[in-house]
Amino acid sequence: MVKLRSSLNALAAASLLALVLTTLPAGVVHAAPNSPKPSAKQDCINRGYRWMEGQGCADKTCRQGGTVFRHPAEPGETRYIRNSDGTVTTQYCDGVTGTWITLGIQPGTSAPPPPPPPTASQ
């Protein structure tokens, strides 16, 4: 009787397992291996930012004094600030540090100065 009971238990367990496997979607039963996660450098480049060797991804936005006015500036964005004395300060958003870098101060003009050249390549 014990032998019959253990045989029936094994048969019931096997039947239950077969039922579960046949009702699951094929992707669950035959799971494909996960594709490798891209490196930090590749992820940075894939998102459209510059990778700076030794510094990391230049994807940090810049803010004005910690306050967002319209939006955080994108890395590499240039801004021109007209000062009270009529001079114009040119700054660009450093995507590595997330800070505004002053490029120079020029006498007041009617048009802003040209943007700075790119700082590094990918």
PDB file of N, CA and C in Angstrom:
ATOM      1  N   MET A   1       0.814  -1.189   0.000  1.00  0.00           N
ATOM      2  CA  MET A   1       0.000   0.000   0.000  1.00  0.00           C
ATOM      3  C   MET A   1       0.865   1.263   0.000  1.00  0.00           C
ATOM      4  N   VAL A   2       1.966   1.253   0.780  1.00  0.00           N
ATOM      5  CA  VAL A   2       2.866   2.404   0.846  1.00  0.00           C
ATOM      6  C   VAL A   2       3.521   2.623  -0.506  1.00  0.00           C
ATOM      7  N   LYS A   3       3.895   1.531  -1.169  1.00  0.00           N
ATOM      8  CA  LYS A   3       4.532   1.628  -2.475  1.00  0.00           C
ATOM      9  C   LYS A   3       3.572   2.232  -3.500  1.00  0.00           C
ATOM     10  N   LEU A   4       2.322   1.831  -3.442  1.00  0.00           N
ATOM     11  CA  LEU A   4       1.323   2.353  -4.356  1.00  0.00           C
ATOM     12  C   LEU A   4       1.094   3.843  -4.108  1.00  0.00           C
ATOM     13  N   ARG A   5       1.035   4.249  -2.833  1.00  0.00           N
ATOM     14  CA  ARG A   5       0.814   5.645  -2.478  1.00  0.00           C
ATOM     15  C   ARG A   5       1.973   6.518  -2.970  1.00  0.00           C
ATOM     16  N   SER A   6       3.218   6.112  -2.772  1.00  0.00           N
ATOM     17  CA  SER A   6       4.362   6.917  -3.227  1.00  0.00           C
ATOM     18  C   SER A   6       4.409   6.976  -4.747  1.00  0.00           C
ATOM     19  N   SER A   7       4.002   5.904  -5.423  1.00  0.00           N
ATOM     20  CA  SER A   7       3.955   5.917  -6.889  1.00  0.00           C
ATOM     21  C   SER A   7       2.886   6.895  -7.374  1.00  0.00           C
ATOM     22  N   LEU A   8       1.734   6.894  -6.703  1.00  0.00           N
ATOM     23  CA  LEU A   8       0.669   7.823  -7.087  1.00  0.00           C
ATOM     24  C   LEU A   8       1.070   9.270  -6.802  1.00  0.00           C
ATOM     25  N   ASN A   9       1.771   9.492  -5.695  1.00  0.00           N
ATOM     26  CA  ASN A   9       2.254  10.851  -5.389  1.00  0.00           C
ATOM     27  C   ASN A   9       3.238  11.334  -6.452  1.00  0.00           C
ATOM     28  N   ALA A  10       4.155  10.479  -6.870  1.00  0.00           N
ATOM     29  CA  ALA A  10       5.124  10.840  -7.902  1.00  0.00           C
ATOM     30  C   ALA A  10       4.422  11.133  -9.220  1.00  0.00           C
ATOM     31  N   LEU A  11       3.431  10.287  -9.567  1.00  0.00           N
ATOM     32  CA  LEU A  11       2.676  10.477 -10.808  1.00  0.00           C
ATOM     33  C   LEU A  11       1.884  11.794 -10.743  1.00  0.00           C
ATOM     34  N   ALA A  12       1.279  12.095  -9.611  1.00  0.00           N
ATOM     35  CA  ALA A  12       0.511  13.332  -9.450  1.00  0.00           C
ATOM     36  C   ALA A  12       1.431  14.553  -9.563  1.00  0.00           C
ATOM     37  N   ALA A  13       2.599  14.475  -8.939  1.00  0.00           N
ATOM     38  CA  ALA A  13       3.544  15.593  -9.011  1.00  0.00           C
ATOM     39  C   ALA A  13       4.031  15.806 -10.435  1.00  0.00           C
ATOM     40  N   ALA A  14       4.334  14.718 -11.137  1.00  0.00           N
ATOM     41  CA  ALA A  14       4.790  14.829 -12.530  1.00  0.00           C
ATOM     42  C   ALA A  14       3.689  15.397 -13.417  1.00  0.00           C
ATOM     43  N   SER A  15       2.457  14.976 -13.180  1.00  0.00           N
ATOM     44  CA  SER A  15       1.324  15.481 -13.969  1.00  0.00           C
ATOM     45  C   SER A  15       1.118  16.970 -13.723  1.00  0.00           C
ATOM     46  N   LEU A  16       1.226  17.373 -12.455  1.00  0.00           N
ATOM     47  CA  LEU A  16       1.064  18.781 -12.120  1.00  0.00           C
ATOM     48  C   LEU A  16       2.155  19.629 -12.772  1.00  0.00           C
ATOM     49  N   LEU A  17       3.388  19.156 -12.745  1.00  0.00           N
ATOM     50  CA  LEU A  17       4.502  19.872 -13.377  1.00  0.00           C
ATOM     51  C   LEU A  17       4.283  19.982 -14.883  1.00  0.00           C
ATOM     52  N   ALA A  18       3.838  18.898 -15.509  1.00  0.00           N
ATOM     53  CA  ALA A  18       3.580  18.925 -16.952  1.00  0.00           C
ATOM     54  C   ALA A  18       2.461  19.912 -17.280  1.00  0.00           C
ATOM     55  N   LEU A  19       1.439  19.945 -16.449  1.00  0.00           N
ATOM     56  CA  LEU A  19       0.334  20.882 -16.663  1.00  0.00           C
ATOM     57  C   LEU A  19       0.806  22.328 -16.564  1.00  0.00           C
ATOM     58  N   VAL A  20       1.616  22.619 -15.554  1.00  0.00           N
ATOM     59  CA  VAL A  20       2.134  23.978 -15.380  1.00  0.00           C
ATOM     60  C   VAL A  20       2.997  24.372 -16.570  1.00  0.00           C
ATOM     61  N   LEU A  21       3.886  23.494 -16.999  1.00  0.00           N
ATOM     62  CA  LEU A  21       4.789  23.814 -18.114  1.00  0.00           C
ATOM     63  C   LEU A  21       4.043  24.008 -19.424  1.00  0.00           C
ATOM     64  N   THR A  22       2.951  23.299 -19.624  1.00  0.00           N
ATOM     65  CA  THR A  22       2.211  23.453 -20.883  1.00  0.00           C
ATOM     66  C   THR A  22       1.318  24.681 -20.880  1.00  0.00           C
ATOM     67  N   THR A  23       0.994  25.220 -19.729  1.00  0.00           N
ATOM     68  CA  THR A  23       0.121  26.399 -19.691  1.00  0.00           C
ATOM     69  C   THR A  23       0.895  27.710 -19.629  1.00  0.00           C
ATOM     70  N   LEU A  24       2.182  27.669 -19.306  1.00  0.00           N
ATOM     71  CA  LEU A  24       2.985  28.895 -19.254  1.00  0.00           C
ATOM     72  C   LEU A  24       3.340  29.356 -20.654  1.00  0.00           C
ATOM     73  N   PRO A  25       3.519  30.664 -20.868  1.00  0.00           N
ATOM     74  CA  PRO A  25       3.997  31.150 -22.171  1.00  0.00           C
ATOM     75  C   PRO A  25       5.385  30.586 -22.474  1.00  0.00           C
ATOM     76  N   ALA A  26       5.683  30.443 -23.748  1.00  0.00           N
ATOM     77  CA  ALA A  26       6.955  29.833 -24.162  1.00  0.00           C
ATOM     78  C   ALA A  26       8.154  30.607 -23.649  1.00  0.00           C
ATOM     79  N   GLY A  27       8.046  31.913 -23.535  1.00  0.00           N
ATOM     80  CA  GLY A  27       9.171  32.724 -23.070  1.00  0.00           C
ATOM     81  C   GLY A  27       9.559  32.414 -21.635  1.00  0.00           C
ATOM     82  N   VAL A  28       8.601  32.022 -20.818  1.00  0.00           N
ATOM     83  CA  VAL A  28       8.903  31.702 -19.427  1.00  0.00           C
ATOM     84  C   VAL A  28       9.568  30.338 -19.324  1.00  0.00           C
ATOM     85  N   VAL A  29       9.061  29.391 -20.097  1.00  0.00           N
ATOM     86  CA  VAL A  29       9.594  28.034 -20.044  1.00  0.00           C
ATOM     87  C   VAL A  29      10.972  27.970 -20.681  1.00  0.00           C
ATOM     88  N   HIS A  30      11.134  28.631 -21.811  1.00  0.00           N
ATOM     89  CA  HIS A  30      12.405  28.621 -22.540  1.00  0.00           C
ATOM     90  C   HIS A  30      13.019  30.007 -22.467  1.00  0.00           C
ATOM     91  N   ALA A  31      13.458  30.396 -21.318  1.00  0.00           N
ATOM     92  CA  ALA A  31      14.004  31.738 -21.122  1.00  0.00           C
ATOM     93  C   ALA A  31      15.318  31.901 -21.868  1.00  0.00           C
ATOM     94  N   ALA A  32      15.410  32.967 -22.621  1.00  0.00           N
ATOM     95  CA  ALA A  32      16.650  33.274 -23.329  1.00  0.00           C
ATOM     96  C   ALA A  32      17.601  33.963 -22.361  1.00  0.00           C
ATOM     97  N   PRO A  33      18.885  33.810 -22.568  1.00  0.00           N
ATOM     98  CA  PRO A  33      19.832  34.485 -21.674  1.00  0.00           C
ATOM     99  C   PRO A  33      19.712  35.997 -21.822  1.00  0.00           C
ATOM    100  N   ASN A  34      19.930  36.718 -20.734  1.00  0.00           N
ATOM    101  CA  ASN A  34      19.884  38.179 -20.766  1.00  0.00           C
ATOM    102  C   ASN A  34      21.037  38.707 -21.594  1.00  0.00           C
ATOM    103  N   SER A  35      20.738  39.721 -22.406  1.00  0.00           N
ATOM    104  CA  SER A  35      21.831  40.327 -23.165  1.00  0.00           C
ATOM    105  C   SER A  35      22.668  41.156 -22.191  1.00  0.00           C
ATOM    106  N   PRO A  36      23.954  41.252 -22.437  1.00  0.00           N
ATOM    107  CA  PRO A  36      24.812  41.979 -21.494  1.00  0.00           C
ATOM    108  C   PRO A  36      24.433  43.452 -21.429  1.00  0.00           C
ATOM    109  N   LYS A  37      24.539  44.033 -20.254  1.00  0.00           N
ATOM    110  CA  LYS A  37      24.249  45.450 -20.053  1.00  0.00           C
ATOM    111  C   LYS A  37      25.387  46.258 -20.675  1.00  0.00           C
ATOM    112  N   PRO A  38      25.043  47.331 -21.406  1.00  0.00           N
ATOM    113  CA  PRO A  38      26.120  48.125 -22.005  1.00  0.00           C
ATOM    114  C   PRO A  38      26.983  48.779 -20.922  1.00  0.00           C
ATOM    115  N   SER A  39      28.213  49.015 -21.268  1.00  0.00           N
ATOM    116  CA  SER A  39      29.125  49.681 -20.330  1.00  0.00           C
ATOM    117  C   SER A  39      28.637  51.102 -20.092  1.00  0.00           C
ATOM    118  N   ALA A  40      29.140  51.728 -19.044  1.00  0.00           N
ATOM    119  CA  ALA A  40      28.761  53.111 -18.735  1.00  0.00           C
ATOM    120  C   ALA A  40      29.117  54.021 -19.905  1.00  0.00           C
ATOM    121  N   LYS A  41      30.263  53.777 -20.516  1.00  0.00           N
ATOM    122  CA  LYS A  41      30.690  54.591 -21.657  1.00  0.00           C
ATOM    123  C   LYS A  41      29.721  54.423 -22.819  1.00  0.00           C
ATOM    124  N   GLN A  42      29.388  53.177 -23.143  1.00  0.00           N
ATOM    125  CA  GLN A  42      28.498  52.921 -24.270  1.00  0.00           C
ATOM    126  C   GLN A  42      27.099  53.468 -23.996  1.00  0.00           C
ATOM    127  N   ASP A  43      26.623  53.330 -22.760  1.00  0.00           N
ATOM    128  CA  ASP A  43      25.308  53.859 -22.388  1.00  0.00           C
ATOM    129  C   ASP A  43      25.289  55.385 -22.556  1.00  0.00           C
ATOM    130  N   CYS A  44      26.351  56.045 -22.140  1.00  0.00           N
ATOM    131  CA  CYS A  44      26.464  57.498 -22.262  1.00  0.00           C
ATOM    132  C   CYS A  44      26.392  57.918 -23.735  1.00  0.00           C
ATOM    133  N   ILE A  45      27.164  57.259 -24.558  1.00  0.00           N
ATOM    134  CA  ILE A  45      27.207  57.582 -25.986  1.00  0.00           C
ATOM    135  C   ILE A  45      25.864  57.262 -26.646  1.00  0.00           C
ATOM    136  N   ASN A  46      25.243  56.134 -26.260  1.00  0.00           N
ATOM    137  CA  ASN A  46      23.944  55.755 -26.821  1.00  0.00           C
ATOM    138  C   ASN A  46      22.869  56.792 -26.503  1.00  0.00           C
ATOM    139  N   ARG A  47      23.001  57.476 -25.368  1.00  0.00           N
ATOM    140  CA  ARG A  47      22.024  58.501 -24.987  1.00  0.00           C
ATOM    141  C   ARG A  47      22.334  59.851 -25.618  1.00  0.00           C
ATOM    142  N   GLY A  48      23.416  59.929 -26.409  1.00  0.00           N
ATOM    143  CA  GLY A  48      23.732  61.157 -27.143  1.00  0.00           C
ATOM    144  C   GLY A  48      24.657  62.121 -26.425  1.00  0.00           C
ATOM    145  N   TYR A  49      25.308  61.672 -25.359  1.00  0.00           N
ATOM    146  CA  TYR A  49      26.224  62.531 -24.621  1.00  0.00           C
ATOM    147  C   TYR A  49      27.673  62.165 -24.934  1.00  0.00           C
ATOM    148  N   ARG A  50      28.570  63.004 -24.485  1.00  0.00           N
ATOM    149  CA  ARG A  50      30.006  62.757 -24.671  1.00  0.00           C
ATOM    150  C   ARG A  50      30.561  62.010 -23.479  1.00  0.00           C
ATOM    151  N   TRP A  51      31.457  61.073 -23.759  1.00  0.00           N
ATOM    152  CA  TRP A  51      32.169  60.347 -22.710  1.00  0.00           C
ATOM    153  C   TRP A  51      33.531  60.997 -22.567  1.00  0.00           C
ATOM    154  N   MET A  52      33.859  61.430 -21.360  1.00  0.00           N
ATOM    155  CA  MET A  52      35.139  62.075 -21.099  1.00  0.00           C
ATOM    156  C   MET A  52      35.996  61.098 -20.306  1.00  0.00           C
ATOM    157  N   GLU A  53      37.054  60.587 -20.931  1.00  0.00           N
ATOM    158  CA  GLU A  53      37.923  59.616 -20.253  1.00  0.00           C
ATOM    159  C   GLU A  53      38.442  60.203 -18.946  1.00  0.00           C
ATOM    160  N   GLY A  54      38.327  59.439 -17.890  1.00  0.00           N
ATOM    161  CA  GLY A  54      38.791  59.873 -16.579  1.00  0.00           C
ATOM    162  C   GLY A  54      37.799  60.752 -15.828  1.00  0.00           C
ATOM    163  N   GLN A  55      36.746  61.210 -16.518  1.00  0.00           N
ATOM    164  CA  GLN A  55      35.760  62.086 -15.880  1.00  0.00           C
ATOM    165  C   GLN A  55      34.346  61.516 -15.921  1.00  0.00           C
ATOM    166  N   GLY A  56      34.066  60.685 -16.904  1.00  0.00           N
ATOM    167  CA  GLY A  56      32.749  60.069 -16.997  1.00  0.00           C
ATOM    168  C   GLY A  56      31.880  60.704 -18.060  1.00  0.00           C
ATOM    169  N   CYS A  57      30.581  60.503 -17.894  1.00  0.00           N
ATOM    170  CA  CYS A  57      29.596  60.955 -18.873  1.00  0.00           C
ATOM    171  C   CYS A  57      29.271  62.426 -18.664  1.00  0.00           C
ATOM    172  N   ALA A  58      29.291  63.182 -19.744  1.00  0.00           N
ATOM    173  CA  ALA A  58      28.970  64.612 -19.678  1.00  0.00           C
ATOM    174  C   ALA A  58      27.460  64.800 -19.874  1.00  0.00           C
ATOM    175  N   ASP A  59      26.681  64.263 -18.937  1.00  0.00           N
ATOM    176  CA  ASP A  59      25.222  64.300 -19.055  1.00  0.00           C
ATOM    177  C   ASP A  59      24.532  65.107 -17.957  1.00  0.00           C
ATOM    178  N   LYS A  60      25.312  65.847 -17.168  1.00  0.00           N
ATOM    179  CA  LYS A  60      24.727  66.594 -16.058  1.00  0.00           C
ATOM    180  C   LYS A  60      24.225  67.954 -16.536  1.00  0.00           C
ATOM    181  N   THR A  61      23.030  68.321 -16.080  1.00  0.00           N
ATOM    182  CA  THR A  61      22.452  69.603 -16.459  1.00  0.00           C
ATOM    183  C   THR A  61      22.917  70.702 -15.510  1.00  0.00           C
ATOM    184  N   CYS A  62      22.822  71.935 -15.950  1.00  0.00           N
ATOM    185  CA  CYS A  62      23.225  73.088 -15.136  1.00  0.00           C
ATOM    186  C   CYS A  62      21.989  73.873 -14.722  1.00  0.00           C
ATOM    187  N   ARG A  63      22.058  74.446 -13.547  1.00  0.00           N
ATOM    188  CA  ARG A  63      20.961  75.259 -13.021  1.00  0.00           C
ATOM    189  C   ARG A  63      21.526  76.622 -12.613  1.00  0.00           C
ATOM    190  N   GLN A  64      20.657  77.571 -12.496  1.00  0.00           N
ATOM    191  CA  GLN A  64      21.068  78.913 -12.079  1.00  0.00           C
ATOM    192  C   GLN A  64      20.903  79.018 -10.577  1.00  0.00           C
ATOM    193  N   GLY A  65      21.991  78.981  -9.840  1.00  0.00           N
ATOM    194  CA  GLY A  65      21.929  79.119  -8.391  1.00  0.00           C
ATOM    195  C   GLY A  65      21.073  78.063  -7.720  1.00  0.00           C
ATOM    196  N   GLY A  66      20.992  76.866  -8.322  1.00  0.00           N
ATOM    197  CA  GLY A  66      20.181  75.799  -7.749  1.00  0.00           C
ATOM    198  C   GLY A  66      18.708  75.910  -8.086  1.00  0.00           C
ATOM    199  N   THR A  67      18.316  76.971  -8.792  1.00  0.00           N
ATOM    200  CA  THR A  67      16.908  77.180  -9.132  1.00  0.00           C
ATOM    201  C   THR A  67      16.704  76.939 -10.616  1.00  0.00           C
ATOM    202  N   VAL A  68      15.652  76.230 -10.940  1.00  0.00           N
ATOM    203  CA  VAL A  68      15.302  76.016 -12.340  1.00  0.00           C
ATOM    204  C   VAL A  68      14.338  77.117 -12.745  1.00  0.00           C
ATOM    205  N   PHE A  69      14.682  77.869 -13.773  1.00  0.00           N
ATOM    206  CA  PHE A  69      13.778  78.903 -14.243  1.00  0.00           C
ATOM    207  C   PHE A  69      12.861  78.311 -15.312  1.00  0.00           C
ATOM    208  N   ARG A  70      13.328  78.168 -16.515  1.00  0.00           N
ATOM    209  CA  ARG A  70      12.509  77.539 -17.546  1.00  0.00           C
ATOM    210  C   ARG A  70      12.777  76.046 -17.591  1.00  0.00           C
ATOM    211  N   HIS A  71      14.017  75.688 -17.555  1.00  0.00           N
ATOM    212  CA  HIS A  71      14.436  74.281 -17.614  1.00  0.00           C
ATOM    213  C   HIS A  71      15.904  74.222 -17.244  1.00  0.00           C
ATOM    214  N   PRO A  72      16.382  73.059 -16.809  1.00  0.00           N
ATOM    215  CA  PRO A  72      17.834  72.961 -16.609  1.00  0.00           C
ATOM    216  C   PRO A  72      18.516  73.010 -17.975  1.00  0.00           C
ATOM    217  N   ALA A  73      19.649  73.638 -18.029  1.00  0.00           N
ATOM    218  CA  ALA A  73      20.383  73.740 -19.291  1.00  0.00           C
ATOM    219  C   ALA A  73      20.988  72.389 -19.638  1.00  0.00           C
ATOM    220  N   GLU A  74      20.948  72.065 -20.896  1.00  0.00           N
ATOM    221  CA  GLU A  74      21.554  70.827 -21.371  1.00  0.00           C
ATOM    222  C   GLU A  74      23.070  70.984 -21.406  1.00  0.00           C
ATOM    223  N   PRO A  75      23.802  69.883 -21.251  1.00  0.00           N
ATOM    224  CA  PRO A  75      25.266  69.957 -21.339  1.00  0.00           C
ATOM    225  C   PRO A  75      25.686  70.580 -22.671  1.00  0.00           C
ATOM    226  N   GLY A  76      26.634  71.507 -22.603  1.00  0.00           N
ATOM    227  CA  GLY A  76      27.133  72.180 -23.798  1.00  0.00           C
ATOM    228  C   GLY A  76      26.336  73.414 -24.193  1.00  0.00           C
ATOM    229  N   GLU A  77      25.198  73.644 -23.548  1.00  0.00           N
ATOM    230  CA  GLU A  77      24.387  74.820 -23.873  1.00  0.00           C
ATOM    231  C   GLU A  77      25.129  76.090 -23.459  1.00  0.00           C
ATOM    232  N   THR A  78      25.025  77.110 -24.284  1.00  0.00           N
ATOM    233  CA  THR A  78      25.695  78.382 -24.018  1.00  0.00           C
ATOM    234  C   THR A  78      24.656  79.424 -23.635  1.00  0.00           C
ATOM    235  N   ARG A  79      25.023  80.287 -22.693  1.00  0.00           N
ATOM    236  CA  ARG A  79      24.131  81.387 -22.336  1.00  0.00           C
ATOM    237  C   ARG A  79      24.934  82.678 -22.287  1.00  0.00           C
ATOM    238  N   TYR A  80      24.228  83.765 -22.502  1.00  0.00           N
ATOM    239  CA  TYR A  80      24.827  85.098 -22.491  1.00  0.00           C
ATOM    240  C   TYR A  80      24.089  85.919 -21.458  1.00  0.00           C
ATOM    241  N   ILE A  81      24.820  86.516 -20.544  1.00  0.00           N
ATOM    242  CA  ILE A  81      24.220  87.298 -19.473  1.00  0.00           C
ATOM    243  C   ILE A  81      24.627  88.756 -19.656  1.00  0.00           C
ATOM    244  N   ARG A  82      23.628  89.617 -19.828  1.00  0.00           N
ATOM    245  CA  ARG A  82      23.919  91.044 -19.936  1.00  0.00           C
ATOM    246  C   ARG A  82      24.002  91.601 -18.523  1.00  0.00           C
ATOM    247  N   ASN A  83      25.161  92.090 -18.173  1.00  0.00           N
ATOM    248  CA  ASN A  83      25.399  92.623 -16.834  1.00  0.00           C
ATOM    249  C   ASN A  83      24.913  94.062 -16.720  1.00  0.00           C
ATOM    250  N   SER A  84      24.776  94.539 -15.494  1.00  0.00           N
ATOM    251  CA  SER A  84      24.261  95.893 -15.263  1.00  0.00           C
ATOM    252  C   SER A  84      25.180  96.976 -15.836  1.00  0.00           C
ATOM    253  N   ASP A  85      26.475  96.664 -15.990  1.00  0.00           N
ATOM    254  CA  ASP A  85      27.408  97.660 -16.551  1.00  0.00           C
ATOM    255  C   ASP A  85      27.455  97.611 -18.081  1.00  0.00           C
ATOM    256  N   GLY A  86      26.599  96.796 -18.706  1.00  0.00           N
ATOM    257  CA  GLY A  86      26.549  96.723 -20.162  1.00  0.00           C
ATOM    258  C   GLY A  86      27.415  95.630 -20.760  1.00  0.00           C
ATOM    259  N   THR A  87      28.278  95.013 -19.963  1.00  0.00           N
ATOM    260  CA  THR A  87      29.103  93.928 -20.488  1.00  0.00           C
ATOM    261  C   THR A  87      28.259  92.663 -20.625  1.00  0.00           C
ATOM    262  N   VAL A  88      28.778  91.718 -21.403  1.00  0.00           N
ATOM    263  CA  VAL A  88      28.094  90.452 -21.625  1.00  0.00           C
ATOM    264  C   VAL A  88      29.007  89.316 -21.167  1.00  0.00           C
ATOM    265  N   THR A  89      28.500  88.496 -20.261  1.00  0.00           N
ATOM    266  CA  THR A  89      29.244  87.334 -19.785  1.00  0.00           C
ATOM    267  C   THR A  89      28.773  86.123 -20.580  1.00  0.00           C
ATOM    268  N   THR A  90      29.730  85.394 -21.149  1.00  0.00           N
ATOM    269  CA  THR A  90      29.424  84.182 -21.897  1.00  0.00           C
ATOM    270  C   THR A  90      29.767  82.975 -21.036  1.00  0.00           C
ATOM    271  N   GLN A  91      28.812  82.063 -20.877  1.00  0.00           N
ATOM    272  CA  GLN A  91      29.025  80.852 -20.089  1.00  0.00           C
ATOM    273  C   GLN A  91      28.489  79.649 -20.855  1.00  0.00           C
ATOM    274  N   TYR A  92      29.058  78.486 -20.546  1.00  0.00           N
ATOM    275  CA  TYR A  92      28.506  77.264 -21.112  1.00  0.00           C
ATOM    276  C   TYR A  92      28.316  76.251 -19.997  1.00  0.00           C
ATOM    277  N   CYS A  93      27.382  75.338 -20.225  1.00  0.00           N
ATOM    278  CA  CYS A  93      27.055  74.310 -19.238  1.00  0.00           C
ATOM    279  C   CYS A  93      28.037  73.160 -19.377  1.00  0.00           C
ATOM    280  N   ASP A  94      28.826  72.928 -18.334  1.00  0.00           N
ATOM    281  CA  ASP A  94      29.783  71.824 -18.308  1.00  0.00           C
ATOM    282  C   ASP A  94      29.030  70.563 -17.890  1.00  0.00           C
ATOM    283  N   GLY A  95      28.832  69.659 -18.835  1.00  0.00           N
ATOM    284  CA  GLY A  95      28.065  68.446 -18.571  1.00  0.00           C
ATOM    285  C   GLY A  95      28.729  67.471 -17.633  1.00  0.00           C
ATOM    286  N   VAL A  96      30.030  67.593 -17.420  1.00  0.00           N
ATOM    287  CA  VAL A  96      30.732  66.684 -16.509  1.00  0.00           C
ATOM    288  C   VAL A  96      30.470  67.082 -15.062  1.00  0.00           C
ATOM    289  N   THR A  97      30.526  68.386 -14.776  1.00  0.00           N
ATOM    290  CA  THR A  97      30.353  68.855 -13.398  1.00  0.00           C
ATOM    291  C   THR A  97      28.958  69.386 -13.109  1.00  0.00           C
ATOM    292  N   GLY A  98      28.206  69.759 -14.143  1.00  0.00           N
ATOM    293  CA  GLY A  98      26.888  70.348 -13.935  1.00  0.00           C
ATOM    294  C   GLY A  98      26.959  71.792 -13.479  1.00  0.00           C
ATOM    295  N   THR A  99      28.050  72.477 -13.804  1.00  0.00           N
ATOM    296  CA  THR A  99      28.205  73.886 -13.410  1.00  0.00           C
ATOM    297  C   THR A  99      28.395  74.755 -14.654  1.00  0.00           C
ATOM    298  N   TRP A 100      28.063  76.033 -14.502  1.00  0.00           N
ATOM    299  CA  TRP A 100      28.290  76.995 -15.572  1.00  0.00           C
ATOM    300  C   TRP A 100      29.749  77.433 -15.541  1.00  0.00           C
ATOM    301  N   ILE A 101      30.399  77.404 -16.689  1.00  0.00           N
ATOM    302  CA  ILE A 101      31.789  77.820 -16.826  1.00  0.00           C
ATOM    303  C   ILE A 101      31.809  79.145 -17.585  1.00  0.00           C
ATOM    304  N   THR A 102      32.431  80.158 -17.000  1.00  0.00           N
ATOM    305  CA  THR A 102      32.527  81.465 -17.661  1.00  0.00           C
ATOM    306  C   THR A 102      33.641  81.420 -18.689  1.00  0.00           C
ATOM    307  N   LEU A 103      33.284  81.745 -19.923  1.00  0.00           N
ATOM    308  CA  LEU A 103      34.266  81.772 -21.009  1.00  0.00           C
ATOM    309  C   LEU A 103      34.894  83.141 -21.154  1.00  0.00           C
ATOM    310  N   GLY A 104      34.144  84.165 -20.817  1.00  0.00           N
ATOM    311  CA  GLY A 104      34.689  85.501 -20.935  1.00  0.00           C
ATOM    312  C   GLY A 104      33.638  86.568 -20.716  1.00  0.00           C
ATOM    313  N   ILE A 105      34.119  87.790 -20.561  1.00  0.00           N
ATOM    314  CA  ILE A 105      33.241  88.945 -20.406  1.00  0.00           C
ATOM    315  C   ILE A 105      33.647  89.935 -21.485  1.00  0.00           C
ATOM    316  N   GLN A 106      32.682  90.371 -22.268  1.00  0.00           N
ATOM    317  CA  GLN A 106      32.963  91.272 -23.377  1.00  0.00           C
ATOM    318  C   GLN A 106      32.181  92.562 -23.216  1.00  0.00           C
ATOM    319  N   PRO A 107      32.672  93.621 -23.825  1.00  0.00           N
ATOM    320  CA  PRO A 107      31.908  94.872 -23.803  1.00  0.00           C
ATOM    321  C   PRO A 107      30.538  94.635 -24.427  1.00  0.00           C
ATOM    322  N   GLY A 108      29.548  95.396 -24.005  1.00  0.00           N
ATOM    323  CA  GLY A 108      28.190  95.234 -24.515  1.00  0.00           C
ATOM    324  C   GLY A 108      28.121  95.362 -26.019  1.00  0.00           C
ATOM    325  N   THR A 109      27.384  94.491 -26.664  1.00  0.00           N
ATOM    326  CA  THR A 109      27.164  94.527 -28.110  1.00  0.00           C
ATOM    327  C   THR A 109      25.694  94.235 -28.356  1.00  0.00           C
ATOM    328  N   SER A 110      25.259  94.450 -29.577  1.00  0.00           N
ATOM    329  CA  SER A 110      23.860  94.185 -29.892  1.00  0.00           C
ATOM    330  C   SER A 110      23.622  92.689 -30.148  1.00  0.00           C
ATOM    331  N   ALA A 111      24.663  91.971 -30.527  1.00  0.00           N
ATOM    332  CA  ALA A 111      24.506  90.536 -30.794  1.00  0.00           C
ATOM    333  C   ALA A 111      25.407  89.747 -29.843  1.00  0.00           C
ATOM    334  N   PRO A 112      24.976  88.573 -29.430  1.00  0.00           N
ATOM    335  CA  PRO A 112      25.841  87.779 -28.549  1.00  0.00           C
ATOM    336  C   PRO A 112      27.061  87.270 -29.303  1.00  0.00           C
ATOM    337  N   PRO A 113      28.141  87.004 -28.597  1.00  0.00           N
ATOM    338  CA  PRO A 113      29.333  86.472 -29.243  1.00  0.00           C
ATOM    339  C   PRO A 113      29.078  85.041 -29.729  1.00  0.00           C
ATOM    340  N   PRO A 114      29.935  84.529 -30.627  1.00  0.00           N
ATOM    341  CA  PRO A 114      29.727  83.174 -31.125  1.00  0.00           C
ATOM    342  C   PRO A 114      29.917  82.133 -30.012  1.00  0.00           C
ATOM    343  N   PRO A 115      29.308  80.971 -30.151  1.00  0.00           N
ATOM    344  CA  PRO A 115      29.468  79.937 -29.119  1.00  0.00           C
ATOM    345  C   PRO A 115      30.889  79.377 -29.098  1.00  0.00           C
ATOM    346  N   PRO A 116      31.295  78.773 -27.986  1.00  0.00           N
ATOM    347  CA  PRO A 116      32.638  78.238 -27.881  1.00  0.00           C
ATOM    348  C   PRO A 116      32.802  76.980 -28.737  1.00  0.00           C
ATOM    349  N   PRO A 117      34.035  76.630 -29.080  1.00  0.00           N
ATOM    350  CA  PRO A 117      34.258  75.388 -29.836  1.00  0.00           C
ATOM    351  C   PRO A 117      34.040  74.195 -28.915  1.00  0.00           C
ATOM    352  N   PRO A 118      33.793  73.000 -29.485  1.00  0.00           N
ATOM    353  CA  PRO A 118      33.633  71.800 -28.658  1.00  0.00           C
ATOM    354  C   PRO A 118      34.883  71.562 -27.815  1.00  0.00           C
ATOM    355  N   THR A 119      34.683  71.035 -26.578  1.00  0.00           N
ATOM    356  CA  THR A 119      35.803  70.851 -25.656  1.00  0.00           C
ATOM    357  C   THR A 119      36.503  69.522 -25.799  1.00  0.00           C
ATOM    358  N   ALA A 120      35.785  68.474 -26.220  1.00  0.00           N
ATOM    359  CA  ALA A 120      36.397  67.151 -26.345  1.00  0.00           C
ATOM    360  C   ALA A 120      35.571  66.313 -27.286  1.00  0.00           C
ATOM    361  N   SER A 121      36.170  65.259 -27.794  1.00  0.00           N
ATOM    362  CA  SER A 121      35.440  64.364 -28.694  1.00  0.00           C
ATOM    363  C   SER A 121      35.031  63.120 -27.942  1.00  0.00           C
ATOM    364  N   GLN A 122      34.119  62.371 -28.515  1.00  0.00           N
ATOM    365  CA  GLN A 122      33.608  61.159 -27.874  1.00  0.00           C
ATOM    366  C   GLN A 122      34.627  60.094 -27.833  1.00  0.00           C
TER     367      GLN A 122
END
